[in-house]
Structure formats: C-alpha cells, structure tokens
C-alpha atoms as a PDB file:
ATOM      1  CA  MET A   1     -27.672  13.521-149.920  1.00  0.00           C
ATOM      2  CA  VAL A   2     -30.818  11.589-150.470  1.00  0.00           C
ATOM      3  CA  VAL A   3     -32.712   9.793-147.724  1.00  0.00           C
ATOM      4  CA  LYS A   4     -35.145   7.048-148.670  1.00  0.00           C
ATOM      5  CA  THR A   5     -38.283   6.732-146.722  1.00  0.00           C
ATOM      6  CA  ALA A   6     -41.633   4.862-147.018  1.00  0.00           C
ATOM      7  CA  ILE A   7     -44.960   6.584-146.488  1.00  0.00           C
ATOM      8  CA  SER A   8     -48.545   5.432-146.382  1.00  0.00           C
ATOM      9  CA  LEU A   9     -50.995   7.231-148.731  1.00  0.00           C
ATOM     10  CA  PRO A  10     -54.691   6.775-149.549  1.00  0.00           C
ATOM     11  CA  GLU A  11     -54.893   4.846-152.830  1.00  0.00           C
ATOM     12  CA  LYS A  12     -56.660   7.843-154.576  1.00  0.00           C
ATOM     13  CA  THR A  13     -53.680  10.087-153.571  1.00  0.00           C
ATOM     14  CA  PHE A  14     -51.202   7.520-154.810  1.00  0.00           C
ATOM     15  CA  LYS A  15     -52.914   7.348-158.202  1.00  0.00           C
ATOM     16  CA  ARG A  16     -52.916  11.071-158.499  1.00  0.00           C
ATOM     17  CA  ILE A  17     -49.243  11.300-157.661  1.00  0.00           C
ATOM     18  CA  ASN A  18     -48.434   8.547-160.320  1.00  0.00           C
ATOM     19  CA  ALA A  19     -50.469  10.372-162.970  1.00  0.00           C
ATOM     20  CA  GLU A  20     -48.954  13.743-162.186  1.00  0.00           C
ATOM     21  CA  ALA A  21     -45.396  12.320-162.141  1.00  0.00           C
ATOM     22  CA  ARG A  22     -45.948  10.767-165.538  1.00  0.00           C
ATOM     23  CA  LYS A  23     -47.474  13.971-166.814  1.00  0.00           C
ATOM     24  CA  ARG A  24     -44.406  15.958-165.691  1.00  0.00           C
ATOM     25  CA  LYS A  25     -41.970  13.204-166.715  1.00  0.00           C
ATOM     26  CA  MET A  26     -40.414  12.847-163.314  1.00  0.00           C
ATOM     27  CA  SER A  27     -40.205  10.289-160.569  1.00  0.00           C
ATOM     28  CA  ARG A  28     -42.727  10.146-157.791  1.00  0.00           C
ATOM     29  CA  SER A  29     -39.993  11.032-155.327  1.00  0.00           C
ATOM     30  CA  ARG A  30     -38.933  14.073-157.308  1.00  0.00           C
ATOM     31  CA  LEU A  31     -42.522  15.185-157.744  1.00  0.00           C
ATOM     32  CA  ILE A  32     -43.335  14.952-154.006  1.00  0.00           C
ATOM     33  CA  ALA A  33     -40.103  16.690-153.082  1.00  0.00           C
ATOM     34  CA  SER A  34     -40.852  19.460-155.654  1.00  0.00           C
ATOM     35  CA  LEU A  35     -44.393  19.823-154.305  1.00  0.00           C
ATOM     36  CA  MET A  36     -43.232  20.123-150.781  1.00  0.00           C
ATOM     37  CA  GLU A  37     -40.539  22.693-151.655  1.00  0.00           C
ATOM     38  CA  GLU A  38     -43.279  24.740-153.416  1.00  0.00           C
ATOM     39  CA  HIS A  39     -45.513  24.395-150.372  1.00  0.00           C
ATOM     40  CA  TRP A  40     -42.773  25.532-147.987  1.00  0.00           C
ATOM     41  CA  LYS A  41     -41.962  28.483-150.253  1.00  0.00           C
ATOM     42  CA  ARG A  42     -45.632  29.579-150.185  1.00  0.00           C
ATOM     43  CA  MET A  43     -45.618  29.166-146.461  1.00  0.00           C
ATOM     44  CA  GLU A  44     -42.412  31.252-146.093  1.00  0.00           C
ATOM     45  CA  ASP A  45     -43.927  33.924-148.382  1.00  0.00           C
ATOM     46  CA  ALA A  46     -47.041  34.045-146.255  1.00  0.00           C
ATOM     47  CA  GLN A  47     -45.085  34.162-142.980  1.00  0.00           C
ATOM     48  CA  PHE A  48     -42.950  37.042-144.459  1.00  0.00           C
ATOM     49  CA  ALA A  49     -46.035  38.902-145.492  1.00  0.00           C
ATOM     50  CA  ALA A  50     -47.482  38.467-141.995  1.00  0.00           C
ATOM     51  CA  ARG A  51     -44.233  39.855-140.501  1.00  0.00           C
ATOM     52  CA  VAL A  52     -44.301  42.803-142.780  1.00  0.00           C
ATOM     53  CA  LYS A  53     -47.899  43.490-141.997  1.00  0.00           C
ATOM     54  CA  ALA A  54     -47.176  43.316-138.301  1.00  0.00           C
ATOM     55  CA  ALA A  55     -44.221  45.678-138.661  1.00  0.00           C
ATOM     56  CA  TYR A  56     -45.951  48.211-141.044  1.00  0.00           C
ATOM     57  CA  GLY A  57     -49.586  47.827-140.180  1.00  0.00           C
ATOM     58  CA  SER A  58     -52.318  45.404-141.150  1.00  0.00           C
ATOM     59  CA  ASP A  59     -53.282  47.316-144.267  1.00  0.00           C
ATOM     60  CA  TYR A  60     -49.687  47.089-145.732  1.00  0.00           C
ATOM     61  CA  GLU A  61     -49.565  45.282-149.149  1.00  0.00           C
ATOM     62  CA  LEU A  62     -46.576  44.578-151.195  1.00  0.00           C
ATOM     63  CA  ASP A  63     -46.325  46.986-154.228  1.00  0.00           C
ATOM     64  CA  ASP A  64     -45.833  45.762-157.745  1.00  0.00           C
ATOM     65  CA  GLU A  65     -42.019  46.245-157.550  1.00  0.00           C
ATOM     66  CA  GLU A  66     -41.769  44.202-154.375  1.00  0.00           C
ATOM     67  CA  LYS A  67     -43.988  41.556-155.945  1.00  0.00           C
ATOM     68  CA  ALA A  68     -41.742  41.454-159.046  1.00  0.00           C
ATOM     69  CA  TRP A  69     -38.591  41.103-156.907  1.00  0.00           C
ATOM     70  CA  LEU A  70     -40.172  38.184-155.001  1.00  0.00           C
ATOM     71  CA  GLU A  71     -41.136  36.430-158.297  1.00  0.00           C
ATOM     72  CA  PHE A  72     -37.682  37.132-159.745  1.00  0.00           C
ATOM     73  CA  GLY A  73     -36.062  35.514-156.666  1.00  0.00           C
ATOM     74  CA  ARG A  74     -38.378  32.507-156.993  1.00  0.00           C
ATOM     75  CA  ARG A  75     -37.542  32.024-160.707  1.00  0.00           C
ATOM     76  CA  GLN A  76     -33.865  32.439-159.872  1.00  0.00           C
ATOM     77  CA  MET A  77     -33.925  29.789-157.265  1.00  0.00           C
ATOM     78  CA  GLY A  78     -36.056  27.459-159.539  1.00  0.00           C
ATOM     79  CA  GLU A  79     -33.349  27.919-162.233  1.00  0.00           C
ATOM     80  CA  LEU A  80     -30.438  27.291-159.782  1.00  0.00           C
ATOM     81  CA  LEU A  81     -32.117  24.002-158.370  1.00  0.00           C
ATOM     82  CA  LYS A  82     -33.609  22.681-161.563  1.00  0.00           C
ATOM     83  CA  ASP A  83     -30.811  20.102-162.100  1.00  0.00           C
ATOM     84  CA  GLU A  84     -30.625  19.082-158.409  1.00  0.00           C
ATOM     85  CA  LYS A  85     -30.709  15.279-158.090  1.00  0.00           C
ATOM     86  CA  TRP A  86     -33.460  14.181-155.680  1.00  0.00           C
END
C-alpha cells in the first residue's frame, strides 16, 4: 500500500534530492523512502549494539563473524525488497 503525502523542504534540499534521484534513476519518492529505510536500519543497528553493550559490558564489540552476519542479513533484506513498489 502506498500513501501519498506532501512535505515542505528547503529549496537546496529539494534540488539535492532531484539530482540524487536522477543519478540513481529512481523517483524522488522511492529515493526518500529508500534513504529513510537505510536511516532506520542504521538506527536499529545502533540500538542493538547499545543493548548488547548494556548486557555484556560497555567494552563489548561485535567480532568479525557477528559483523559479517549483520552485513549478510542487510544484503539479503536488500535483495528481497529491491523490487518493492514504492
């Protein structure tokens, strides 16, 4: 389901969005939705890392295997959602 909305943007931001959408060969709507999904994913990853650090101690860092699994999951989701209609 797609919901249409109107937003107000500074002209400079609007021009940057138009340029980036043309560069990526996608609509402004799809670009903004994609960027927001990327932003939320980074936020979720940061929140997950904060929860892990809280549970295991502030000096806990993900090891290479854990980082690889997170990246694999990100790529899989990207592949699954690449053809989604925005």
